Amino acid sequence: MKNNINELDKKNYKQLKINESTELKNFNSISNNNNNNLNFIYKKIGKTYCFFSNKNGDPIIIIGPQYYMFILFSSLVNGIVYLFLNIFWNYYSKNFRRLGIILTLIFQIFYTITFLINPGYPKNTIERQTGEPREKYKFCGECKFWVEVEKNVNHCYDCDICVEGYDHHCPWTSKCIGRRNKISFYGFMTTILIIFGYFIFMITNTRKINN
């Protein structure tokens, strides 16, 4: 009886190893398929436009589907700053006017970085090691590759790509806000608020000067 149980345990163990080996091969075959075309100059991934891959095959520049919003919003902010500086030019010192120009330049730098930089498109060439728990990974049915659960990867349906540290999709930057462009996004938002405060100060203080 004990021999029968031991033989059954051995068979179950052997079958388990075969299943694990098959699953591991399937897992890594998907990763290898994604690894076939690592280096590129331009490539469309989902709804985004990707330019210049690094040595790991990750896109350096990713432009989202609403790229026209970048042109519109940049033109709007720069146009308003130019208009305000012209209207209130004679009311303020050179240093105060320079502050407005510097703030606009800082805004444009942060905004451009957020618009261009890879937001956190995950490495899609993961290879799972033998004995490594399957729960460590999840499969994205839209992107057709495995991602690491601990990196908080979520699929953005506006961009149609997965993003590490996904926060939200921002149409003003034309794409997702994730792990790699979150800091520049906060910088962009902060400078917008400062510029807004700068305008309010100009308007209210000019009224006092006129009175």
Protein backbone atom coordinates (compact mmCIF):
# COMPACT_ATOMS: atom_id res chain seq x y z
CA MET A 1 0.00 0.00 0.00
CA LYS A 2 2.82 2.41 0.97
CA ASN A 3 4.66 1.56 -2.25
CA ASN A 4 1.53 2.39 -4.26
CA ILE A 5 1.21 5.76 -2.50
CA ASN A 6 4.91 6.54 -3.06
CA GLU A 7 4.62 5.64 -6.73
CA LEU A 8 1.51 7.83 -7.02
CA ASP A 9 3.33 10.72 -5.32
CA LYS A 10 6.28 10.29 -7.68
CA LYS A 11 3.97 10.32 -10.70
CA ASN A 12 2.15 13.43 -9.44
CA TYR A 13 5.47 15.14 -8.70
CA LYS A 14 6.80 14.23 -12.14
CA GLN A 15 3.61 15.49 -13.81
CA LEU A 16 3.81 18.71 -11.79
CA LYS A 17 7.39 19.25 -12.96
CA ILE A 18 6.37 18.59 -16.59
CA ASN A 19 3.49 21.08 -16.29
CA GLU A 20 5.78 23.68 -14.70
CA SER A 21 8.40 23.15 -17.38
CA THR A 22 5.77 23.48 -20.16
CA GLU A 23 4.33 26.62 -18.57
CA LEU A 24 7.81 28.10 -18.19
CA LYS A 25 8.59 27.40 -21.88
CA ASN A 26 5.33 29.05 -22.94
CA PHE A 27 6.03 32.01 -20.67
CA ASN A 28 9.56 32.50 -22.00
CA SER A 29 8.56 31.87 -25.63
CA ILE A 30 6.28 34.92 -25.44
CA SER A 31 9.16 36.94 -24.01
CA ASN A 32 11.51 35.69 -26.74
CA ASN A 33 9.01 36.63 -29.44
CA ASN A 34 8.88 40.15 -28.01
CA ASN A 35 12.69 40.18 -27.96
CA ASN A 36 13.04 39.58 -31.71
CA ASN A 37 12.90 43.24 -32.70
CA LEU A 38 14.58 45.16 -29.89
CA ASN A 39 16.39 47.89 -31.81
CA PHE A 40 14.36 50.39 -33.78
CA ILE A 41 14.26 54.06 -34.81
CA TYR A 42 10.48 54.30 -35.15
CA LYS A 43 7.80 51.89 -34.09
CA LYS A 44 4.08 52.20 -33.39
CA ILE A 45 3.09 50.47 -30.14
CA GLY A 46 -0.63 50.49 -29.44
CA LYS A 47 -1.84 53.98 -30.30
CA THR A 48 1.49 55.63 -29.44
CA TYR A 49 4.42 56.67 -31.66
CA CYS A 50 7.76 55.39 -30.33
CA PHE A 51 11.20 56.62 -31.37
CA PHE A 52 14.76 55.41 -30.69
CA SER A 53 15.15 52.28 -28.60
CA ASN A 54 17.85 51.93 -25.94
CA LYS A 55 20.07 48.84 -25.57
CA ASN A 56 17.25 46.99 -23.75
CA GLY A 57 14.80 47.71 -26.56
CA ASP A 58 12.79 50.22 -24.50
CA PRO A 59 11.51 53.29 -26.39
CA ILE A 60 13.26 56.51 -25.37
CA ILE A 61 10.57 58.79 -26.82
CA ILE A 62 6.86 57.97 -26.74
CA ILE A 63 4.33 60.41 -28.20
CA GLY A 64 0.68 59.79 -27.38
CA PRO A 65 -2.33 59.77 -29.71
CA GLN A 66 -3.46 63.30 -28.74
CA TYR A 67 -0.16 64.91 -29.78
CA TYR A 68 -2.01 67.95 -31.21
CA MET A 69 -2.96 68.95 -27.63
CA PHE A 70 0.71 69.69 -26.92
CA ILE A 71 0.84 72.21 -29.77
CA LEU A 72 -2.48 73.82 -28.78
CA PHE A 73 -1.70 74.11 -25.06
CA SER A 74 1.88 75.34 -25.61
CA SER A 75 0.62 77.99 -28.03
CA LEU A 76 -2.12 79.03 -25.60
CA VAL A 77 0.16 79.45 -22.56
CA ASN A 78 2.96 81.17 -24.48
CA GLY A 79 0.43 83.44 -26.24
CA ILE A 80 -1.21 84.49 -22.96
CA VAL A 81 2.18 85.20 -21.33
CA TYR A 82 3.25 87.28 -24.36
CA LEU A 83 -0.06 89.19 -24.27
CA PHE A 84 0.13 89.91 -20.54
CA LEU A 85 3.74 91.03 -20.68
CA ASN A 86 2.92 93.42 -23.52
CA ILE A 87 -0.12 94.87 -21.75
CA PHE A 88 1.64 95.36 -18.41
CA TRP A 89 5.16 95.97 -19.75
CA ASN A 90 5.45 99.58 -18.57
CA TYR A 91 4.04 98.91 -15.11
CA TYR A 92 6.78 96.61 -13.84
CA SER A 93 10.56 96.43 -13.58
CA LYS A 94 12.80 94.42 -15.91
CA ASN A 95 13.40 91.79 -13.24
CA PHE A 96 9.68 91.20 -12.75
CA ARG A 97 9.18 90.88 -16.51
CA ARG A 98 12.14 88.49 -16.70
CA LEU A 99 10.53 86.37 -14.00
CA GLY A 100 7.52 85.86 -16.28
CA ILE A 101 9.77 84.80 -19.17
CA ILE A 102 11.79 82.42 -16.95
CA LEU A 103 8.61 80.83 -15.57
CA THR A 104 7.35 80.28 -19.13
CA LEU A 105 10.64 78.66 -20.14
CA ILE A 106 10.56 76.35 -17.09
CA PHE A 107 6.95 75.43 -17.90
CA GLN A 108 7.87 74.65 -21.51
CA ILE A 109 10.84 72.47 -20.48
CA PHE A 110 8.78 70.39 -18.01
CA TYR A 111 5.88 70.16 -20.45
CA THR A 112 8.09 69.05 -23.35
CA ILE A 113 9.86 66.41 -21.22
CA THR A 114 6.50 65.03 -20.05
CA PHE A 115 5.22 65.02 -23.63
CA LEU A 116 8.24 63.18 -25.05
CA ILE A 117 9.64 60.88 -22.35
CA ASN A 118 8.72 57.21 -22.03
CA PRO A 119 6.12 57.18 -19.20
CA GLY A 120 7.09 53.68 -18.09
CA TYR A 121 6.44 51.24 -20.90
CA PRO A 122 7.54 47.96 -19.25
CA LYS A 123 10.32 45.67 -20.39
CA ASN A 124 8.50 42.99 -22.39
CA THR A 125 11.32 40.46 -22.47
CA ILE A 126 10.91 39.01 -18.97
CA GLU A 127 12.17 35.47 -18.47
CA ARG A 128 10.80 33.55 -15.52
CA GLN A 129 13.25 31.30 -13.68
CA THR A 130 12.45 27.72 -12.64
CA GLY A 131 10.72 27.66 -9.26
CA GLU A 132 9.80 31.35 -9.45
CA PRO A 133 6.15 31.85 -8.40
CA ARG A 134 3.72 32.56 -11.22
CA GLU A 135 1.88 35.06 -8.96
CA LYS A 136 4.84 37.41 -9.34
CA TYR A 137 3.68 38.12 -12.90
CA LYS A 138 0.46 38.90 -14.69
CA PHE A 139 -0.36 38.60 -18.37
CA CYS A 140 -1.71 41.58 -20.31
CA GLY A 141 -4.14 40.25 -22.88
CA GLU A 142 -4.04 43.53 -24.82
CA CYS A 143 -0.24 43.85 -25.10
CA LYS A 144 0.32 40.05 -25.23
CA PHE A 145 3.19 39.90 -22.75
CA TRP A 146 3.96 39.27 -19.07
CA VAL A 147 4.58 42.08 -16.58
CA GLU A 148 5.75 42.16 -12.96
CA VAL A 149 2.92 42.66 -10.46
CA GLU A 150 5.08 44.57 -7.93
CA LYS A 151 5.76 47.34 -10.49
CA ASN A 152 2.09 48.34 -10.49
CA VAL A 153 1.70 47.92 -14.25
CA ASN A 154 -1.70 48.82 -15.72
CA HIS A 155 -3.02 48.95 -19.25
CA CYS A 156 -4.06 52.37 -20.56
CA TYR A 157 -6.86 51.96 -23.09
CA ASP A 158 -6.41 55.53 -24.40
CA CYS A 159 -2.79 54.81 -25.41
CA ASP A 160 -3.31 51.04 -25.72
CA ILE A 161 -0.05 50.26 -23.89
CA CYS A 162 0.95 49.04 -20.41
CA VAL A 163 2.63 51.56 -18.09
CA GLU A 164 4.63 50.98 -14.90
CA GLY A 165 3.41 53.04 -11.94
CA TYR A 166 0.34 54.07 -13.94
CA ASP A 167 -1.31 57.16 -12.45
CA HIS A 168 -3.74 58.42 -15.08
CA HIS A 169 -4.08 59.35 -18.74
CA CYS A 170 -3.60 63.08 -19.33
CA PRO A 171 -4.91 64.38 -22.69
CA TRP A 172 -2.98 67.65 -22.23
CA THR A 173 0.32 65.73 -22.36
CA SER A 174 -1.23 63.39 -24.98
CA LYS A 175 -0.44 60.22 -23.00
CA CYS A 176 -0.25 58.39 -19.66
CA ILE A 177 1.45 59.63 -16.54
CA GLY A 178 3.58 56.86 -15.07
CA ARG A 179 6.78 56.05 -13.20
CA ARG A 180 9.19 57.80 -15.58
CA ASN A 181 7.37 61.06 -16.36
CA LYS A 182 5.57 61.65 -13.04
CA ILE A 183 8.21 64.10 -11.70
CA SER A 184 8.25 66.21 -14.87
CA PHE A 185 4.42 66.18 -14.85
CA TYR A 186 4.36 67.56 -11.29
CA GLY A 187 6.90 70.19 -12.37
CA PHE A 188 4.69 71.14 -15.32
CA MET A 189 1.60 71.43 -13.09
CA THR A 190 3.46 73.45 -10.44
CA THR A 191 4.79 76.01 -12.93
CA ILE A 192 1.29 76.41 -14.44
CA LEU A 193 -0.06 77.28 -10.99
CA ILE A 194 2.82 79.72 -10.35
CA ILE A 195 2.24 81.40 -13.74
CA PHE A 196 -1.47 81.67 -12.90
CA GLY A 197 -0.56 83.34 -9.57
CA TYR A 198 1.86 85.62 -11.44
CA PHE A 199 -0.98 86.81 -13.71
CA ILE A 200 -3.32 87.43 -10.77
CA PHE A 201 -0.64 89.49 -9.03
CA MET A 202 -0.08 91.54 -12.21
CA ILE A 203 -3.78 92.30 -12.64
CA THR A 204 -4.55 93.16 -9.00
CA ASN A 205 -1.36 95.17 -8.47
CA THR A 206 -1.84 97.16 -11.69
CA ARG A 207 -5.27 98.29 -10.46
CA LYS A 208 -3.66 99.61 -7.29
CA ILE A 209 -1.01 101.48 -9.33
CA ASN A 210 -3.70 103.08 -11.52
CA ASN A 211 -5.74 104.13 -8.49
